[in-house]
């Protein structure tokens, strides 16, 4: 009997929390332009017009939204460190899933951490995530979507050990410590990154279908 496959779907919208009360939709747009082409921003307000401290940012592509999560989660805006994660109410994701809820990850044993070959701390909690992108791809880093919820950076790094040349691996997590179901792996050569994409893209891992591609922003 075949095990049902699950595919992670990333939408174009990000949830942004812990906003300063004075932060406007324009401030939000200006900040998130660092990650890609912003097509919509909104800061939620109550009936009196006061900010609720959170907002939504929509990009042109899911890759830009992923880049924003990787690089802006924990960044400062208006004197506060903001929380950036995928928007669980993203209409594109919910439509693709038949209007079902976006799956929430169970808490892993440990979050992302230091790779054996000198990598930094894992992404996701605003503490030393992946380095800021330059807007041009180095061709050295890949994005891996659909990894098992329990995977940490260590399992992700071990998975790509057969390719060789792994410099660091990170699993993206939120402030709650839960995996977001995707991560990044950086290699020492472009050839190794290309080989990883060719080897693992559209393969099955513990009942889930992986999507593996070159990171356009790192």
N, C-alpha and C. Protein backbone atom coordinates (compact mmCIF):
# COMPACT_ATOMS: atom_id res chain seq x y z
N UNK A 1 0.85 -1.20 0.00
CA UNK A 1 0.00 0.00 0.00
C UNK A 1 0.88 1.25 0.00
N UNK A 2 0.63 2.15 -0.95
CA UNK A 2 1.45 3.34 -1.06
C UNK A 2 1.15 4.31 0.06
N UNK A 3 2.20 4.93 0.59
CA UNK A 3 2.04 5.95 1.61
C UNK A 3 1.64 7.26 0.93
N UNK A 4 0.57 7.93 1.38
CA UNK A 4 0.17 9.19 0.76
C UNK A 4 1.31 10.21 0.81
N UNK A 5 1.48 10.93 -0.28
CA UNK A 5 2.52 11.93 -0.35
C UNK A 5 1.96 13.29 0.00
N UNK A 6 2.77 14.09 0.68
CA UNK A 6 2.36 15.43 1.07
C UNK A 6 3.34 16.42 0.48
N UNK A 7 2.85 17.44 -0.18
CA UNK A 7 3.70 18.46 -0.78
C UNK A 7 3.53 19.77 -0.04
N UNK A 8 4.64 20.36 0.37
CA UNK A 8 4.58 21.65 1.04
C UNK A 8 4.30 22.73 -0.01
N UNK A 9 3.40 23.65 0.27
CA UNK A 9 3.09 24.73 -0.65
C UNK A 9 3.37 26.05 0.04
N UNK A 10 4.14 26.88 -0.62
CA UNK A 10 4.45 28.20 -0.09
C UNK A 10 3.69 29.24 -0.89
N UNK A 11 3.01 30.14 -0.20
CA UNK A 11 2.28 31.20 -0.87
C UNK A 11 3.15 32.43 -1.06
N UNK A 12 2.52 33.49 -1.52
CA UNK A 12 3.23 34.73 -1.81
C UNK A 12 3.14 35.74 -0.67
N UNK A 13 2.37 35.40 0.36
CA UNK A 13 2.10 36.36 1.43
C UNK A 13 2.83 35.98 2.72
N UNK A 14 3.29 37.02 3.42
CA UNK A 14 3.95 36.85 4.72
C UNK A 14 3.13 37.55 5.80
N UNK A 15 3.06 36.92 6.96
CA UNK A 15 2.53 37.55 8.16
C UNK A 15 3.68 38.26 8.86
N UNK A 16 3.46 39.49 9.28
CA UNK A 16 4.50 40.25 9.97
C UNK A 16 3.95 40.71 11.33
N UNK A 17 4.54 40.23 12.41
CA UNK A 17 4.08 40.54 13.75
C UNK A 17 5.06 41.41 14.51
N UNK A 18 4.62 41.85 15.69
CA UNK A 18 5.40 42.69 16.60
C UNK A 18 5.77 44.04 15.97
N UNK A 19 4.85 44.59 15.18
CA UNK A 19 5.09 45.89 14.58
C UNK A 19 4.96 47.01 15.61
N UNK A 20 5.78 48.03 15.45
CA UNK A 20 5.61 49.23 16.28
C UNK A 20 4.28 49.89 15.93
N UNK A 21 3.67 50.53 16.91
CA UNK A 21 2.34 51.11 16.69
C UNK A 21 2.35 52.17 15.60
N UNK A 22 3.50 52.83 15.41
CA UNK A 22 3.59 53.90 14.42
C UNK A 22 3.89 53.39 13.01
N UNK A 23 4.21 52.11 12.87
CA UNK A 23 4.57 51.57 11.56
C UNK A 23 3.37 51.57 10.62
N UNK A 24 3.54 52.15 9.43
CA UNK A 24 2.47 52.24 8.44
C UNK A 24 2.66 51.20 7.35
N UNK A 25 1.66 51.07 6.47
CA UNK A 25 1.79 50.14 5.35
C UNK A 25 2.95 50.54 4.45
N UNK A 26 3.22 51.85 4.34
CA UNK A 26 4.32 52.31 3.51
C UNK A 26 5.67 51.93 4.12
N UNK A 27 5.78 52.03 5.45
CA UNK A 27 7.00 51.60 6.13
C UNK A 27 7.25 50.11 5.88
N UNK A 28 6.16 49.35 5.96
CA UNK A 28 6.25 47.91 5.74
C UNK A 28 6.72 47.62 4.32
N UNK A 29 6.13 48.31 3.37
CA UNK A 29 6.49 48.10 1.96
C UNK A 29 7.94 48.46 1.71
N UNK A 30 8.37 49.60 2.25
CA UNK A 30 9.75 50.03 2.04
C UNK A 30 10.74 49.02 2.60
N UNK A 31 10.44 48.46 3.77
CA UNK A 31 11.34 47.50 4.39
C UNK A 31 11.41 46.21 3.59
N UNK A 32 10.26 45.71 3.15
CA UNK A 32 10.21 44.39 2.52
C UNK A 32 10.62 44.42 1.06
N UNK A 33 10.82 45.62 0.51
CA UNK A 33 11.41 45.70 -0.82
C UNK A 33 12.82 45.13 -0.86
N UNK A 34 13.43 45.01 0.33
CA UNK A 34 14.76 44.40 0.41
C UNK A 34 14.72 42.94 -0.03
N UNK A 35 13.55 42.31 0.07
CA UNK A 35 13.44 40.88 -0.22
C UNK A 35 12.87 40.58 -1.60
N UNK A 36 12.27 41.57 -2.26
CA UNK A 36 11.68 41.29 -3.56
C UNK A 36 10.67 42.35 -3.96
N UNK A 37 9.89 42.03 -4.98
CA UNK A 37 8.90 42.97 -5.53
C UNK A 37 7.60 42.87 -4.73
N UNK A 38 7.34 43.86 -3.91
CA UNK A 38 6.14 43.88 -3.06
C UNK A 38 4.95 44.40 -3.86
N UNK A 39 3.86 43.63 -3.88
CA UNK A 39 2.68 44.05 -4.62
C UNK A 39 1.55 44.55 -3.71
N UNK A 40 1.66 44.26 -2.40
CA UNK A 40 0.59 44.66 -1.48
C UNK A 40 1.11 44.62 -0.06
N UNK A 41 0.74 45.64 0.73
CA UNK A 41 1.01 45.62 2.17
C UNK A 41 -0.20 46.19 2.91
N UNK A 42 -0.37 45.74 4.14
CA UNK A 42 -1.46 46.27 4.95
C UNK A 42 -1.11 46.10 6.42
N UNK A 43 -1.35 47.12 7.20
CA UNK A 43 -1.22 47.05 8.65
C UNK A 43 -2.63 47.04 9.23
N UNK A 44 -2.94 46.01 9.99
CA UNK A 44 -4.29 45.85 10.52
C UNK A 44 -4.56 46.85 11.64
N UNK A 45 -5.75 47.45 11.60
CA UNK A 45 -6.12 48.47 12.59
C UNK A 45 -7.49 48.17 13.17
N UNK A 46 -7.73 48.68 14.40
CA UNK A 46 -9.02 48.48 15.04
C UNK A 46 -10.00 49.56 14.59
N UNK A 47 -11.18 49.57 15.18
CA UNK A 47 -12.22 50.51 14.77
C UNK A 47 -11.83 51.96 15.02
N UNK A 48 -10.90 52.18 15.95
CA UNK A 48 -10.44 53.54 16.25
C UNK A 48 -9.24 53.96 15.40
N UNK A 49 -8.83 53.09 14.47
CA UNK A 49 -7.71 53.41 13.60
C UNK A 49 -6.35 53.13 14.20
N UNK A 50 -6.31 52.48 15.35
CA UNK A 50 -5.03 52.16 15.97
C UNK A 50 -4.50 50.83 15.46
N UNK A 51 -3.19 50.79 15.25
CA UNK A 51 -2.57 49.57 14.75
C UNK A 51 -2.76 48.41 15.73
N UNK A 52 -2.99 47.23 15.19
CA UNK A 52 -3.07 46.02 16.01
C UNK A 52 -1.70 45.36 16.19
N UNK A 53 -0.67 45.96 15.58
CA UNK A 53 0.68 45.44 15.77
C UNK A 53 1.07 44.33 14.82
N UNK A 54 0.26 44.11 13.76
CA UNK A 54 0.64 43.09 12.78
C UNK A 54 0.12 43.49 11.41
N UNK A 55 0.69 42.87 10.39
CA UNK A 55 0.28 43.19 9.03
C UNK A 55 0.59 42.06 8.06
N UNK A 56 0.31 42.32 6.78
CA UNK A 56 0.48 41.34 5.71
C UNK A 56 1.30 41.98 4.60
N UNK A 57 2.22 41.21 4.04
CA UNK A 57 3.00 41.64 2.87
C UNK A 57 2.85 40.57 1.79
N UNK A 58 2.52 40.98 0.57
CA UNK A 58 2.38 40.04 -0.54
C UNK A 58 3.42 40.37 -1.60
N UNK A 59 4.09 39.32 -2.09
CA UNK A 59 5.11 39.45 -3.12
C UNK A 59 4.60 38.91 -4.46
N UNK A 60 5.39 39.11 -5.48
CA UNK A 60 5.03 38.59 -6.80
C UNK A 60 5.18 37.08 -6.88
N UNK A 61 6.16 36.52 -6.16
CA UNK A 61 6.43 35.09 -6.25
C UNK A 61 6.60 34.48 -4.86
N UNK A 62 6.35 33.17 -4.72
CA UNK A 62 6.59 32.48 -3.45
C UNK A 62 8.06 32.52 -3.04
N UNK A 63 8.97 32.53 -4.04
CA UNK A 63 10.40 32.56 -3.72
C UNK A 63 10.76 33.86 -3.01
N UNK A 64 10.15 34.96 -3.41
CA UNK A 64 10.40 36.24 -2.75
C UNK A 64 9.87 36.22 -1.32
N UNK A 65 8.71 35.59 -1.12
CA UNK A 65 8.16 35.48 0.24
C UNK A 65 9.08 34.64 1.12
N UNK A 66 9.61 33.55 0.56
CA UNK A 66 10.55 32.71 1.30
C UNK A 66 11.80 33.50 1.66
N UNK A 67 12.29 34.29 0.70
CA UNK A 67 13.48 35.10 0.96
C UNK A 67 13.22 36.09 2.09
N UNK A 68 12.02 36.68 2.13
CA UNK A 68 11.68 37.62 3.21
C UNK A 68 11.68 36.92 4.56
N UNK A 69 11.15 35.71 4.61
CA UNK A 69 11.12 34.95 5.87
C UNK A 69 12.54 34.66 6.33
N UNK A 70 13.40 34.27 5.39
CA UNK A 70 14.77 33.90 5.73
C UNK A 70 15.59 35.10 6.21
N UNK A 71 15.39 36.26 5.60
CA UNK A 71 16.30 37.38 5.86
C UNK A 71 15.74 38.47 6.75
N UNK A 72 14.40 38.57 6.87
CA UNK A 72 13.82 39.67 7.63
C UNK A 72 13.20 39.24 8.96
N UNK A 73 13.05 37.95 9.19
CA UNK A 73 12.56 37.50 10.48
C UNK A 73 13.58 37.88 11.55
N UNK A 74 13.16 38.70 12.52
CA UNK A 74 14.07 39.17 13.56
C UNK A 74 14.74 40.49 13.24
N UNK A 75 14.48 41.04 12.03
CA UNK A 75 15.06 42.34 11.67
C UNK A 75 14.37 43.46 12.45
N UNK A 76 15.02 44.61 12.53
CA UNK A 76 14.46 45.75 13.25
C UNK A 76 13.65 46.63 12.30
N UNK A 77 12.49 47.05 12.77
CA UNK A 77 11.65 47.99 12.03
C UNK A 77 10.92 48.85 13.05
N UNK A 78 11.14 50.14 13.00
CA UNK A 78 10.51 51.04 13.94
C UNK A 78 10.93 50.82 15.38
N UNK A 79 12.16 50.32 15.58
CA UNK A 79 12.66 50.09 16.93
C UNK A 79 12.26 48.76 17.53
N UNK A 80 11.62 47.89 16.75
CA UNK A 80 11.22 46.56 17.24
C UNK A 80 11.78 45.48 16.33
N UNK A 81 11.98 44.30 16.91
CA UNK A 81 12.37 43.13 16.12
C UNK A 81 11.10 42.43 15.65
N UNK A 82 10.92 42.39 14.35
CA UNK A 82 9.67 41.87 13.79
C UNK A 82 9.72 40.35 13.62
N UNK A 83 8.54 39.75 13.65
CA UNK A 83 8.36 38.33 13.38
C UNK A 83 7.82 38.20 11.96
N UNK A 84 8.49 37.40 11.15
CA UNK A 84 8.05 37.18 9.76
C UNK A 84 7.91 35.68 9.53
N UNK A 85 6.74 35.26 9.12
CA UNK A 85 6.49 33.86 8.80
C UNK A 85 5.50 33.80 7.64
N UNK A 86 5.24 32.59 7.15
CA UNK A 86 4.27 32.45 6.08
C UNK A 86 2.88 32.81 6.60
N UNK A 87 2.06 33.37 5.74
CA UNK A 87 0.68 33.70 6.10
C UNK A 87 -0.16 32.44 6.00
N UNK A 88 -0.62 31.93 7.14
CA UNK A 88 -1.39 30.68 7.14
C UNK A 88 -2.76 30.84 6.51
N UNK A 89 -3.18 32.07 6.28
CA UNK A 89 -4.46 32.32 5.62
C UNK A 89 -4.28 32.69 4.15
N UNK A 90 -3.07 32.45 3.60
CA UNK A 90 -2.81 32.81 2.21
C UNK A 90 -3.84 32.14 1.30
N UNK A 91 -4.53 32.93 0.52
CA UNK A 91 -5.61 32.40 -0.31
C UNK A 91 -5.10 31.43 -1.37
N UNK A 92 -3.91 31.67 -1.93
CA UNK A 92 -3.37 30.78 -2.94
C UNK A 92 -3.08 29.40 -2.38
N UNK A 93 -2.51 29.37 -1.16
CA UNK A 93 -2.20 28.10 -0.53
C UNK A 93 -3.48 27.36 -0.16
N UNK A 94 -4.45 28.07 0.40
CA UNK A 94 -5.69 27.43 0.83
C UNK A 94 -6.47 26.90 -0.37
N UNK A 95 -6.45 27.63 -1.49
CA UNK A 95 -7.12 27.15 -2.68
C UNK A 95 -6.45 25.89 -3.21
N UNK A 96 -5.12 25.89 -3.19
CA UNK A 96 -4.38 24.72 -3.67
C UNK A 96 -4.62 23.51 -2.79
N UNK A 97 -4.87 23.75 -1.51
CA UNK A 97 -5.13 22.66 -0.57
C UNK A 97 -6.62 22.35 -0.43
N UNK A 98 -7.45 22.87 -1.32
CA UNK A 98 -8.88 22.62 -1.21
C UNK A 98 -9.50 23.34 -0.06
N UNK A 99 -8.99 24.55 0.23
CA UNK A 99 -9.50 25.41 1.31
C UNK A 99 -9.25 24.83 2.68
N UNK A 100 -8.34 23.84 2.77
CA UNK A 100 -8.01 23.29 4.07
C UNK A 100 -7.00 24.16 4.79
N UNK A 101 -6.76 23.87 6.06
CA UNK A 101 -5.80 24.65 6.83
C UNK A 101 -4.38 24.33 6.36
N UNK A 102 -3.54 25.32 6.39
CA UNK A 102 -2.14 25.09 6.14
C UNK A 102 -1.59 24.25 7.27
N UNK A 103 -0.89 23.13 6.99
CA UNK A 103 -0.44 22.24 8.05
C UNK A 103 0.50 22.94 9.01
N UNK A 104 0.32 22.69 10.30
CA UNK A 104 1.20 23.24 11.33
C UNK A 104 2.15 22.16 11.78
N UNK A 105 3.38 22.53 11.93
CA UNK A 105 4.41 21.55 12.23
C UNK A 105 4.43 21.21 13.71
N UNK A 106 4.63 19.92 14.06
CA UNK A 106 4.85 19.58 15.46
C UNK A 106 6.20 20.09 15.91
N UNK A 107 6.36 20.25 17.20
CA UNK A 107 7.62 20.78 17.75
C UNK A 107 8.73 19.76 17.57
N UNK A 108 9.84 20.13 16.92
CA UNK A 108 10.96 19.21 16.76
C UNK A 108 11.72 19.08 18.07
N UNK A 109 12.60 18.02 18.10
CA UNK A 109 13.38 17.82 19.30
C UNK A 109 14.29 18.99 19.60
N UNK A 110 14.97 19.50 18.56
CA UNK A 110 15.82 20.67 18.70
C UNK A 110 15.69 21.50 17.44
N UNK A 111 15.93 22.77 17.56
CA UNK A 111 15.85 23.65 16.40
C UNK A 111 17.11 23.55 15.57
N UNK A 112 17.19 24.40 14.54
CA UNK A 112 18.37 24.41 13.70
C UNK A 112 19.56 24.89 14.51
N UNK A 113 20.74 24.50 14.09
CA UNK A 113 21.90 24.85 14.90
C UNK A 113 23.16 24.94 14.08
N UNK A 114 24.29 24.77 14.74
CA UNK A 114 25.59 24.96 14.10
C UNK A 114 25.96 23.73 13.30
N UNK A 115 26.33 23.94 12.05
CA UNK A 115 26.75 22.83 11.20
C UNK A 115 28.19 22.45 11.54
N UNK A 116 28.52 21.20 11.24
CA UNK A 116 29.83 20.69 11.61
C UNK A 116 30.95 21.37 10.85
N UNK A 117 30.66 21.87 9.65
CA UNK A 117 31.72 22.48 8.85
C UNK A 117 31.79 23.98 9.02
N UNK A 118 31.39 24.48 10.19
CA UNK A 118 31.59 25.89 10.47
C UNK A 118 30.41 26.76 10.14
N UNK A 119 29.23 26.18 9.88
CA UNK A 119 28.06 26.99 9.59
C UNK A 119 27.58 27.72 10.83
N UNK A 120 26.75 28.74 10.64
CA UNK A 120 26.23 29.50 11.77
C UNK A 120 24.99 28.86 12.33
N UNK A 121 24.31 29.60 13.22
CA UNK A 121 23.10 29.07 13.82
C UNK A 121 21.98 29.03 12.83
N UNK A 122 21.00 28.17 13.09
CA UNK A 122 19.91 27.97 12.14
C UNK A 122 19.00 29.17 12.04
N UNK A 123 18.21 29.19 10.95
CA UNK A 123 17.33 30.33 10.71
C UNK A 123 16.05 30.18 11.49
N UNK A 124 15.27 31.28 11.57
CA UNK A 124 13.90 31.15 11.96
C UNK A 124 13.47 31.88 13.20
N UNK A 125 14.35 32.14 14.17
CA UNK A 125 13.90 32.79 15.38
C UNK A 125 14.52 34.17 15.53
N UNK A 126 14.96 34.73 14.42
CA UNK A 126 15.51 36.07 14.47
C UNK A 126 16.88 36.13 15.12
N UNK A 127 17.56 35.01 15.21
CA UNK A 127 18.86 34.98 15.87
C UNK A 127 19.86 34.32 14.94
N UNK A 128 20.57 35.14 14.17
CA UNK A 128 21.63 34.60 13.32
C UNK A 128 21.12 33.70 12.24
N UNK A 129 20.09 34.10 11.50
CA UNK A 129 19.61 33.33 10.38
C UNK A 129 20.59 33.40 9.23
N UNK A 130 20.20 32.90 8.04
CA UNK A 130 21.08 32.94 6.89
C UNK A 130 21.51 34.36 6.59
N UNK A 131 22.70 34.56 6.04
CA UNK A 131 23.18 35.90 5.77
C UNK A 131 22.29 36.63 4.79
N UNK A 132 22.29 37.96 4.89
CA UNK A 132 21.48 38.77 4.01
C UNK A 132 21.86 38.53 2.56
N UNK A 133 20.84 38.42 1.68
CA UNK A 133 21.09 38.20 0.27
C UNK A 133 21.53 39.48 -0.41
N UNK A 134 22.20 39.34 -1.55
CA UNK A 134 22.68 40.47 -2.30
C UNK A 134 21.78 40.81 -3.47
N UNK A 135 20.75 39.98 -3.71
CA UNK A 135 19.88 40.20 -4.85
C UNK A 135 20.31 39.37 -6.05
N UNK A 136 21.52 38.77 -6.00
CA UNK A 136 22.01 37.91 -7.05
C UNK A 136 22.34 36.55 -6.47
N UNK A 137 22.01 35.50 -7.22
CA UNK A 137 22.27 34.16 -6.72
C UNK A 137 23.73 33.79 -6.93
N UNK A 138 24.31 33.20 -5.88
CA UNK A 138 25.68 32.70 -5.98
C UNK A 138 25.70 31.35 -6.67
N UNK A 139 24.54 30.68 -6.70
CA UNK A 139 24.47 29.34 -7.25
C UNK A 139 24.96 28.27 -6.30
N UNK A 140 25.32 28.68 -5.08
CA UNK A 140 25.87 27.74 -4.10
C UNK A 140 24.84 27.21 -3.13
N UNK A 141 23.71 27.89 -2.99
CA UNK A 141 22.72 27.52 -1.98
C UNK A 141 21.44 27.01 -2.64
N UNK A 142 20.86 25.98 -2.04
CA UNK A 142 19.60 25.43 -2.53
C UNK A 142 18.52 25.60 -1.46
N UNK A 143 17.27 25.64 -1.91
CA UNK A 143 16.12 25.63 -1.03
C UNK A 143 15.50 24.23 -1.10
N UNK A 144 15.16 23.68 0.05
CA UNK A 144 14.57 22.34 0.12
C UNK A 144 13.20 22.46 0.78
N UNK A 145 12.14 22.25 0.02
CA UNK A 145 10.78 22.32 0.54
C UNK A 145 10.23 20.91 0.71
N UNK A 146 9.40 20.74 1.74
CA UNK A 146 8.74 19.46 1.96
C UNK A 146 9.50 18.50 2.85
N UNK A 147 10.48 19.00 3.62
CA UNK A 147 11.24 18.11 4.50
C UNK A 147 10.35 17.69 5.68
N UNK A 148 10.58 16.52 6.24
CA UNK A 148 9.78 16.06 7.37
C UNK A 148 9.82 17.07 8.52
N UNK A 149 8.70 17.20 9.22
CA UNK A 149 8.58 18.20 10.28
C UNK A 149 9.60 18.02 11.39
N UNK A 150 10.01 16.77 11.65
CA UNK A 150 10.93 16.50 12.75
C UNK A 150 12.39 16.76 12.39
N UNK A 151 12.67 17.04 11.13
CA UNK A 151 14.06 17.23 10.71
C UNK A 151 14.65 18.51 11.29
N UNK A 152 15.88 18.41 11.77
CA UNK A 152 16.66 19.57 12.17
C UNK A 152 17.75 19.79 11.12
N UNK A 153 18.60 20.82 11.34
CA UNK A 153 19.68 21.08 10.38
C UNK A 153 20.57 19.86 10.22
N UNK A 154 20.72 19.07 11.29
CA UNK A 154 21.65 17.94 11.23
C UNK A 154 21.15 16.87 10.26
N UNK A 155 19.86 16.52 10.34
CA UNK A 155 19.32 15.53 9.41
C UNK A 155 19.35 16.04 7.97
N UNK A 156 19.10 17.34 7.82
CA UNK A 156 19.13 17.92 6.47
C UNK A 156 20.54 17.87 5.90
N UNK A 157 21.52 18.20 6.72
CA UNK A 157 22.92 18.16 6.28
C UNK A 157 23.34 16.73 5.94
N UNK A 158 22.94 15.78 6.79
CA UNK A 158 23.30 14.38 6.55
C UNK A 158 22.68 13.86 5.25
N UNK A 159 21.49 14.34 4.94
CA UNK A 159 20.79 13.89 3.74
C UNK A 159 21.59 14.23 2.47
N UNK A 160 22.27 15.37 2.50
CA UNK A 160 23.01 15.81 1.32
C UNK A 160 24.49 15.46 1.39
N UNK A 161 24.89 14.68 2.41
CA UNK A 161 26.30 14.34 2.58
C UNK A 161 26.84 13.55 1.40
N UNK A 162 25.97 12.75 0.76
CA UNK A 162 26.43 11.94 -0.37
C UNK A 162 26.87 12.79 -1.56
N UNK A 163 26.34 14.03 -1.64
CA UNK A 163 26.74 14.93 -2.72
C UNK A 163 28.14 15.48 -2.46
N UNK A 164 28.42 15.77 -1.18
CA UNK A 164 29.72 16.32 -0.79
C UNK A 164 29.74 17.83 -0.86
N UNK A 165 30.68 18.42 -0.15
CA UNK A 165 30.88 19.86 -0.20
C UNK A 165 29.81 20.67 0.50
N UNK A 166 29.14 20.10 1.51
CA UNK A 166 28.12 20.85 2.24
C UNK A 166 28.80 21.78 3.24
N UNK A 167 28.51 23.08 3.11
CA UNK A 167 29.10 24.07 4.01
C UNK A 167 28.23 24.30 5.23
N UNK A 168 26.91 24.40 5.04
CA UNK A 168 25.99 24.56 6.16
C UNK A 168 24.59 24.16 5.73
N UNK A 169 23.78 23.86 6.73
CA UNK A 169 22.38 23.53 6.47
C UNK A 169 21.54 24.18 7.56
N UNK A 170 20.38 24.68 7.17
CA UNK A 170 19.47 25.33 8.12
C UNK A 170 18.04 24.88 7.86
N UNK A 171 17.31 24.63 8.94
CA UNK A 171 15.86 24.39 8.85
C UNK A 171 15.18 25.63 9.40
N UNK A 172 14.27 26.20 8.64
CA UNK A 172 13.60 27.43 9.05
C UNK A 172 12.55 27.10 10.11
N UNK A 173 12.63 27.81 11.24
CA UNK A 173 11.67 27.63 12.33
C UNK A 173 11.08 28.97 12.71
N UNK A 174 9.96 28.94 13.41
CA UNK A 174 9.33 30.16 13.90
C UNK A 174 9.74 30.43 15.34
N UNK A 175 9.17 31.51 15.90
CA UNK A 175 9.46 31.84 17.30
C UNK A 175 9.00 30.74 18.25
N UNK A 176 8.03 29.94 17.82
CA UNK A 176 7.55 28.85 18.66
C UNK A 176 8.46 27.64 18.60
N UNK A 177 9.53 27.71 17.80
CA UNK A 177 10.46 26.60 17.69
C UNK A 177 10.06 25.52 16.73
N UNK A 178 8.91 25.69 16.07
CA UNK A 178 8.42 24.67 15.17
C UNK A 178 8.98 24.84 13.76
N UNK A 179 9.32 23.70 13.16
CA UNK A 179 9.80 23.71 11.78
C UNK A 179 8.72 24.22 10.86
N UNK A 180 9.13 24.97 9.83
CA UNK A 180 8.22 25.44 8.79
C UNK A 180 8.19 24.49 7.60
N UNK A 181 8.91 23.37 7.70
CA UNK A 181 8.83 22.36 6.64
C UNK A 181 9.76 22.62 5.46
N UNK A 182 10.68 23.56 5.60
CA UNK A 182 11.63 23.80 4.52
C UNK A 182 12.93 24.35 5.11
N UNK A 183 13.96 24.34 4.30
CA UNK A 183 15.25 24.82 4.77
C UNK A 183 16.17 25.12 3.60
N UNK A 184 17.43 25.39 3.93
CA UNK A 184 18.43 25.70 2.91
C UNK A 184 19.69 24.90 3.18
N UNK A 185 20.40 24.60 2.10
CA UNK A 185 21.69 23.93 2.19
C UNK A 185 22.67 24.69 1.31
N UNK A 186 23.82 25.06 1.87
CA UNK A 186 24.83 25.78 1.10
C UNK A 186 26.02 24.87 0.84
N UNK A 187 26.47 24.86 -0.43
CA UNK A 187 27.59 24.03 -0.84
C UNK A 187 28.82 24.89 -1.13
N UNK A 188 29.96 24.24 -1.27
CA UNK A 188 31.19 24.97 -1.54
C UNK A 188 31.39 25.20 -3.03
N UNK A 189 30.65 24.47 -3.88
CA UNK A 189 30.77 24.66 -5.33
C UNK A 189 29.39 24.66 -5.97
N UNK A 190 29.28 25.34 -7.11
CA UNK A 190 28.02 25.35 -7.87
C UNK A 190 27.70 23.96 -8.41
N UNK A 191 28.73 23.22 -8.76
CA UNK A 191 28.52 21.88 -9.30
C UNK A 191 27.83 20.98 -8.27
N UNK A 192 28.23 21.11 -7.01
CA UNK A 192 27.61 20.31 -5.96
C UNK A 192 26.16 20.71 -5.76
N UNK A 193 25.87 22.02 -5.79
CA UNK A 193 24.49 22.49 -5.65
C UNK A 193 23.62 21.98 -6.79
N UNK A 194 24.14 22.05 -8.02
CA UNK A 194 23.39 21.55 -9.18
C UNK A 194 23.15 20.05 -9.06
N UNK A 195 24.16 19.32 -8.58
CA UNK A 195 24.02 17.87 -8.42
C UNK A 195 22.96 17.54 -7.38
N UNK A 196 22.89 18.35 -6.31
CA UNK A 196 21.88 18.13 -5.27
C UNK A 196 20.48 18.32 -5.81
N UNK A 197 20.30 19.35 -6.63
CA UNK A 197 18.98 19.58 -7.25
C UNK A 197 18.60 18.40 -8.14
N UNK A 198 19.55 17.97 -8.97
CA UNK A 198 19.28 16.87 -9.89
C UNK A 198 18.98 15.57 -9.13
N UNK A 199 19.65 15.38 -8.02
CA UNK A 199 19.49 14.13 -7.26
C UNK A 199 18.21 14.11 -6.44
N UNK A 200 17.82 15.21 -5.82
CA UNK A 200 16.76 15.17 -4.82
C UNK A 200 15.44 15.84 -5.23
N UNK A 201 15.44 16.69 -6.24
CA UNK A 201 14.19 17.35 -6.62
C UNK A 201 13.15 16.33 -7.07
N UNK A 202 11.93 16.49 -6.59
CA UNK A 202 10.80 15.62 -6.93
C UNK A 202 11.01 14.18 -6.46
N UNK A 203 11.81 13.99 -5.41
CA UNK A 203 11.94 12.66 -4.81
C UNK A 203 11.08 12.60 -3.55
N UNK A 204 10.85 11.38 -3.07
CA UNK A 204 10.01 11.18 -1.89
C UNK A 204 10.88 10.98 -0.65
N UNK A 205 10.43 11.58 0.45
CA UNK A 205 11.14 11.42 1.73
C UNK A 205 10.12 11.30 2.84
N UNK A 206 10.03 10.09 3.42
CA UNK A 206 9.11 9.81 4.52
C UNK A 206 7.69 10.26 4.19
N UNK A 207 7.25 9.92 2.98
CA UNK A 207 5.86 10.19 2.59
C UNK A 207 5.62 11.59 2.06
N UNK A 208 6.67 12.39 1.92
CA UNK A 208 6.52 13.75 1.41
C UNK A 208 7.32 13.92 0.12
N UNK A 209 6.83 14.77 -0.74
CA UNK A 209 7.51 15.03 -2.00
C UNK A 209 8.37 16.29 -1.87
N UNK A 210 9.66 16.14 -2.13
CA UNK A 210 10.59 17.26 -2.00
C UNK A 210 10.58 18.14 -3.25
N UNK A 211 10.72 19.43 -3.02
CA UNK A 211 11.00 20.37 -4.10
C UNK A 211 12.34 21.01 -3.77
N UNK A 212 13.30 20.84 -4.65
CA UNK A 212 14.66 21.32 -4.41
C UNK A 212 15.08 22.19 -5.58
N UNK A 213 15.52 23.41 -5.29
CA UNK A 213 15.90 24.33 -6.37
C UNK A 213 16.96 25.30 -5.87
N UNK A 214 17.67 25.91 -6.82
CA UNK A 214 18.72 26.88 -6.48
C UNK A 214 18.07 28.13 -5.87
N UNK A 215 18.63 28.60 -4.76
CA UNK A 215 18.14 29.81 -4.10
C UNK A 215 18.49 31.02 -4.97
N UNK A 216 17.48 31.74 -5.40
CA UNK A 216 17.67 32.87 -6.30
C UNK A 216 18.28 34.09 -5.60
N UNK A 217 18.34 34.06 -4.28
CA UNK A 217 18.73 35.27 -3.55
C UNK A 217 19.98 35.11 -2.71
N UNK A 218 20.61 33.94 -2.75
CA UNK A 218 21.79 33.73 -1.91
C UNK A 218 22.95 33.19 -2.75
